[in-house]
Amino acid sequence: MKAARQRQIIDIINSGKIETQEDLATALRVRGYEVTQATVSRDIKELGLVKVPTEEGSYRYAVPQDQRPPNARERMRRMFLDAVTRLDFSENLIIVHTLTGTAHAVAACIDQVQWPEIIGTVAGDDTILIIVKPKEAVDKVLGDFRALLE
């Protein structure tokens, strides 16, 4: 639910001018998400959203230019603890099994961290394919993933 809501937040701020947390909460409610101001505030912090000036002289929420929230690793750790059920690998491919419906959110967290050894992720409903380069880095990446589960 949280990952889907946060995807909606990104979509909302990319498609319109959201100036306040209340504007964002209202837009989320229109899309079927019952949220409190505290929830919206936490989501803004976790997503690393910033306020940028508009041409009219006001400010609106935006995703930072580098698309990488400052707490990306911590968010990924929480996602792993909440959603990842199993890890496996073959050659330079890592498979991450997740709870149903959470693979996209976990993959997005992995992408946001921008691991130099990971050249791409592909997410289904409950499975993520991760391509690692070079293949010798698989052990390191798997070790890092396993550490997130502890």
C-alpha atoms as a PDB file:
ATOM      1  CA  MET A   1       0.000   0.000   0.000  1.00  0.00           C
ATOM      2  CA  LYS A   2       2.758   2.420   0.943  1.00  0.00           C
ATOM      3  CA  ALA A   3       4.782   1.776  -2.211  1.00  0.00           C
ATOM      4  CA  ALA A   4       1.701   2.201  -4.407  1.00  0.00           C
ATOM      5  CA  ARG A   5       0.790   5.421  -2.588  1.00  0.00           C
ATOM      6  CA  GLN A   6       4.308   6.769  -3.036  1.00  0.00           C
ATOM      7  CA  ARG A   7       4.216   5.926  -6.754  1.00  0.00           C
ATOM      8  CA  GLN A   8       0.975   7.901  -6.923  1.00  0.00           C
ATOM      9  CA  ILE A   9       2.642  10.828  -5.151  1.00  0.00           C
ATOM     10  CA  ILE A  10       5.405  10.916  -7.749  1.00  0.00           C
ATOM     11  CA  ASP A  11       2.805  10.792 -10.519  1.00  0.00           C
ATOM     12  CA  ILE A  12       0.746  13.548  -8.889  1.00  0.00           C
ATOM     13  CA  ILE A  13       3.645  15.969  -8.448  1.00  0.00           C
ATOM     14  CA  ASN A  14       4.956  15.259 -11.943  1.00  0.00           C
ATOM     15  CA  SER A  15       1.562  15.929 -13.519  1.00  0.00           C
ATOM     16  CA  GLY A  16       0.419  19.000 -11.623  1.00  0.00           C
ATOM     17  CA  LYS A  17       1.347  21.880  -9.363  1.00  0.00           C
ATOM     18  CA  ILE A  18       1.222  20.674  -5.752  1.00  0.00           C
ATOM     19  CA  GLU A  19       2.142  23.548  -3.432  1.00  0.00           C
ATOM     20  CA  THR A  20       1.238  22.193   0.018  1.00  0.00           C
ATOM     21  CA  GLN A  21       0.945  18.938   1.896  1.00  0.00           C
ATOM     22  CA  GLU A  22      -2.807  19.514   2.014  1.00  0.00           C
ATOM     23  CA  ASP A  23      -2.896  19.822  -1.806  1.00  0.00           C
ATOM     24  CA  LEU A  24      -1.079  16.489  -1.996  1.00  0.00           C
ATOM     25  CA  ALA A  25      -3.377  14.844   0.559  1.00  0.00           C
ATOM     26  CA  THR A  26      -6.428  16.052  -1.402  1.00  0.00           C
ATOM     27  CA  ALA A  27      -5.016  14.708  -4.675  1.00  0.00           C
ATOM     28  CA  LEU A  28      -4.329  11.354  -3.003  1.00  0.00           C
ATOM     29  CA  ARG A  29      -7.871  11.215  -1.614  1.00  0.00           C
ATOM     30  CA  VAL A  30      -9.244  11.843  -5.113  1.00  0.00           C
ATOM     31  CA  ARG A  31      -7.262   8.780  -6.218  1.00  0.00           C
ATOM     32  CA  GLY A  32      -8.721   6.677  -3.408  1.00  0.00           C
ATOM     33  CA  TYR A  33      -6.025   6.955  -0.726  1.00  0.00           C
ATOM     34  CA  GLU A  34      -7.228   7.978   2.729  1.00  0.00           C
ATOM     35  CA  VAL A  35      -4.197   9.712   4.235  1.00  0.00           C
ATOM     36  CA  THR A  36      -3.387  11.915   7.186  1.00  0.00           C
ATOM     37  CA  GLN A  37      -1.109  14.928   7.142  1.00  0.00           C
ATOM     38  CA  ALA A  38       1.466  12.918   9.106  1.00  0.00           C
ATOM     39  CA  THR A  39       1.461  10.159   6.464  1.00  0.00           C
ATOM     40  CA  VAL A  40       1.901  12.688   3.666  1.00  0.00           C
ATOM     41  CA  SER A  41       4.723  14.358   5.588  1.00  0.00           C
ATOM     42  CA  ARG A  42       6.534  11.020   6.065  1.00  0.00           C
ATOM     43  CA  ASP A  43       6.089  10.140   2.389  1.00  0.00           C
ATOM     44  CA  ILE A  44       7.523  13.507   1.331  1.00  0.00           C
ATOM     45  CA  LYS A  45      10.551  12.916   3.545  1.00  0.00           C
ATOM     46  CA  GLU A  46      11.083   9.320   2.412  1.00  0.00           C
ATOM     47  CA  LEU A  47      10.790  10.267  -1.250  1.00  0.00           C
ATOM     48  CA  GLY A  48      13.208  13.155  -0.759  1.00  0.00           C
ATOM     49  CA  LEU A  49      10.822  15.630  -2.386  1.00  0.00           C
ATOM     50  CA  VAL A  50      11.919  19.253  -2.574  1.00  0.00           C
ATOM     51  CA  LYS A  51      10.133  22.548  -3.109  1.00  0.00           C
ATOM     52  CA  VAL A  52      11.052  24.457  -6.244  1.00  0.00           C
ATOM     53  CA  PRO A  53       9.964  27.938  -7.350  1.00  0.00           C
ATOM     54  CA  THR A  54       7.244  28.335  -9.960  1.00  0.00           C
ATOM     55  CA  GLU A  55       6.991  31.038 -12.606  1.00  0.00           C
ATOM     56  CA  GLU A  56       4.183  32.627 -10.587  1.00  0.00           C
ATOM     57  CA  GLY A  57       6.474  33.179  -7.596  1.00  0.00           C
ATOM     58  CA  SER A  58       5.106  30.380  -5.420  1.00  0.00           C
ATOM     59  CA  TYR A  59       6.677  26.999  -4.649  1.00  0.00           C
ATOM     60  CA  ARG A  60       5.652  23.470  -5.582  1.00  0.00           C
ATOM     61  CA  TYR A  61       6.846  19.966  -4.719  1.00  0.00           C
ATOM     62  CA  ALA A  62       9.203  18.236  -7.130  1.00  0.00           C
ATOM     63  CA  VAL A  63      11.389  15.139  -7.337  1.00  0.00           C
ATOM     64  CA  PRO A  64      15.068  16.101  -6.970  1.00  0.00           C
ATOM     65  CA  GLN A  65      17.010  16.196 -10.226  1.00  0.00           C
ATOM     66  CA  ASP A  66      19.172  13.175  -9.379  1.00  0.00           C
ATOM     67  CA  GLN A  67      15.999  11.143  -8.520  1.00  0.00           C
ATOM     68  CA  ARG A  68      17.828   9.646  -5.537  1.00  0.00           C
ATOM     69  CA  PRO A  69      16.339  10.395  -2.136  1.00  0.00           C
ATOM     70  CA  PRO A  70      18.988  11.045   0.517  1.00  0.00           C
ATOM     71  CA  ASN A  71      17.823   8.041   2.525  1.00  0.00           C
ATOM     72  CA  ALA A  72      17.651   5.571  -0.379  1.00  0.00           C
ATOM     73  CA  ARG A  73      19.667   2.851   1.392  1.00  0.00           C
ATOM     74  CA  GLU A  74      17.559   3.041   4.549  1.00  0.00           C
ATOM     75  CA  ARG A  75      14.368   2.882   2.504  1.00  0.00           C
ATOM     76  CA  MET A  76      15.741  -0.133   0.636  1.00  0.00           C
ATOM     77  CA  ARG A  77      16.596  -1.852   3.934  1.00  0.00           C
ATOM     78  CA  ARG A  78      13.027  -1.373   5.171  1.00  0.00           C
ATOM     79  CA  MET A  79      11.599  -2.612   1.883  1.00  0.00           C
ATOM     80  CA  PHE A  80      13.801  -5.710   2.005  1.00  0.00           C
ATOM     81  CA  LEU A  81      12.712  -6.490   5.573  1.00  0.00           C
ATOM     82  CA  ASP A  82       9.044  -5.949   4.723  1.00  0.00           C
ATOM     83  CA  ALA A  83       8.837  -7.589   1.298  1.00  0.00           C
ATOM     84  CA  VAL A  84      11.738  -9.872   0.298  1.00  0.00           C
ATOM     85  CA  THR A  85      11.131 -13.582   0.876  1.00  0.00           C
ATOM     86  CA  ARG A  86      14.041 -15.269  -0.907  1.00  0.00           C
ATOM     87  CA  LEU A  87      17.220 -14.619  -2.904  1.00  0.00           C
ATOM     88  CA  ASP A  88      18.831 -16.796  -5.582  1.00  0.00           C
ATOM     89  CA  PHE A  89      21.378 -16.374  -8.357  1.00  0.00           C
ATOM     90  CA  SER A  90      22.882 -17.888 -11.485  1.00  0.00           C
ATOM     91  CA  GLU A  91      25.985 -16.554 -13.213  1.00  0.00           C
ATOM     92  CA  ASN A  92      25.532 -12.771 -13.300  1.00  0.00           C
ATOM     93  CA  LEU A  93      21.793 -12.835 -12.540  1.00  0.00           C
ATOM     94  CA  ILE A  94      20.212 -12.389  -9.125  1.00  0.00           C
ATOM     95  CA  ILE A  95      16.587 -13.249  -8.488  1.00  0.00           C
ATOM     96  CA  VAL A  96      14.786 -11.549  -5.620  1.00  0.00           C
ATOM     97  CA  HIS A  97      11.452 -13.074  -4.595  1.00  0.00           C
ATOM     98  CA  THR A  98       9.031 -10.746  -2.829  1.00  0.00           C
ATOM     99  CA  LEU A  99       5.547 -10.725  -1.407  1.00  0.00           C
ATOM    100  CA  THR A 100       2.898 -10.457  -4.109  1.00  0.00           C
ATOM    101  CA  GLY A 101       2.624  -6.943  -5.484  1.00  0.00           C
ATOM    102  CA  THR A 102       5.834  -5.547  -3.965  1.00  0.00           C
ATOM    103  CA  ALA A 103       8.473  -6.385  -6.573  1.00  0.00           C
ATOM    104  CA  HIS A 104       8.204  -3.036  -8.373  1.00  0.00           C
ATOM    105  CA  ALA A 105       8.676  -1.072  -5.148  1.00  0.00           C
ATOM    106  CA  VAL A 106      11.707  -3.144  -4.114  1.00  0.00           C
ATOM    107  CA  ALA A 107      13.220  -2.824  -7.602  1.00  0.00           C
ATOM    108  CA  ALA A 108      12.685   0.947  -7.513  1.00  0.00           C
ATOM    109  CA  CYS A 109      14.580   1.096  -4.208  1.00  0.00           C
ATOM    110  CA  ILE A 110      17.447  -0.912  -5.713  1.00  0.00           C
ATOM    111  CA  ASP A 111      17.506   1.409  -8.736  1.00  0.00           C
ATOM    112  CA  GLN A 112      17.524   4.529  -6.550  1.00  0.00           C
ATOM    113  CA  VAL A 113      20.613   3.383  -4.673  1.00  0.00           C
ATOM    114  CA  GLN A 114      22.437   3.255  -8.025  1.00  0.00           C
ATOM    115  CA  TRP A 115      24.744   0.321  -7.259  1.00  0.00           C
ATOM    116  CA  PRO A 116      27.706   0.398  -9.655  1.00  0.00           C
ATOM    117  CA  GLU A 117      27.617  -3.409 -10.008  1.00  0.00           C
ATOM    118  CA  ILE A 118      23.933  -3.515 -10.996  1.00  0.00           C
ATOM    119  CA  ILE A 119      23.296  -2.639 -14.622  1.00  0.00           C
ATOM    120  CA  GLY A 120      19.551  -3.212 -14.545  1.00  0.00           C
ATOM    121  CA  THR A 121      16.464  -4.584 -12.825  1.00  0.00           C
ATOM    122  CA  VAL A 122      13.254  -6.031 -14.239  1.00  0.00           C
ATOM    123  CA  ALA A 123      10.309  -6.458 -11.887  1.00  0.00           C
ATOM    124  CA  GLY A 124       7.232  -8.576 -12.163  1.00  0.00           C
ATOM    125  CA  ASP A 125       4.549  -8.930  -9.520  1.00  0.00           C
ATOM    126  CA  ASP A 126       6.592 -10.921  -6.991  1.00  0.00           C
ATOM    127  CA  THR A 127       9.971 -11.447  -8.663  1.00  0.00           C
ATOM    128  CA  ILE A 128      12.862  -9.175  -9.618  1.00  0.00           C
ATOM    129  CA  LEU A 129      15.587 -10.038 -12.103  1.00  0.00           C
ATOM    130  CA  ILE A 130      18.815  -8.151 -11.384  1.00  0.00           C
ATOM    131  CA  ILE A 131      21.673  -8.100 -13.884  1.00  0.00           C
ATOM    132  CA  VAL A 132      25.110  -7.746 -12.300  1.00  0.00           C
ATOM    133  CA  LYS A 133      28.323  -6.773 -14.081  1.00  0.00           C
ATOM    134  CA  PRO A 134      30.933  -8.162 -13.745  1.00  0.00           C
ATOM    135  CA  LYS A 135      29.655 -11.571 -12.719  1.00  0.00           C
ATOM    136  CA  GLU A 136      32.374 -11.729 -10.036  1.00  0.00           C
ATOM    137  CA  ALA A 137      30.421  -8.996  -8.200  1.00  0.00           C
ATOM    138  CA  VAL A 138      27.406 -11.267  -7.629  1.00  0.00           C
ATOM    139  CA  ASP A 139      28.781 -12.527  -4.289  1.00  0.00           C
ATOM    140  CA  LYS A 140      29.264  -8.961  -3.037  1.00  0.00           C
ATOM    141  CA  VAL A 141      25.789  -7.834  -4.109  1.00  0.00           C
ATOM    142  CA  LEU A 142      24.166 -10.960  -2.647  1.00  0.00           C
ATOM    143  CA  GLY A 143      26.079 -10.398   0.591  1.00  0.00           C
ATOM    144  CA  ASP A 144      24.836  -6.815   0.734  1.00  0.00           C
ATOM    145  CA  PHE A 145      21.256  -7.960   0.049  1.00  0.00           C
ATOM    146  CA  ARG A 146      21.478 -10.651   2.762  1.00  0.00           C
ATOM    147  CA  ALA A 147      22.772  -8.041   5.223  1.00  0.00           C
ATOM    148  CA  LEU A 148      19.646  -5.977   4.532  1.00  0.00           C
ATOM    149  CA  LEU A 149      17.533  -8.929   5.661  1.00  0.00           C
ATOM    150  CA  GLU A 150      19.208  -9.199   9.082  1.00  0.00           C
END
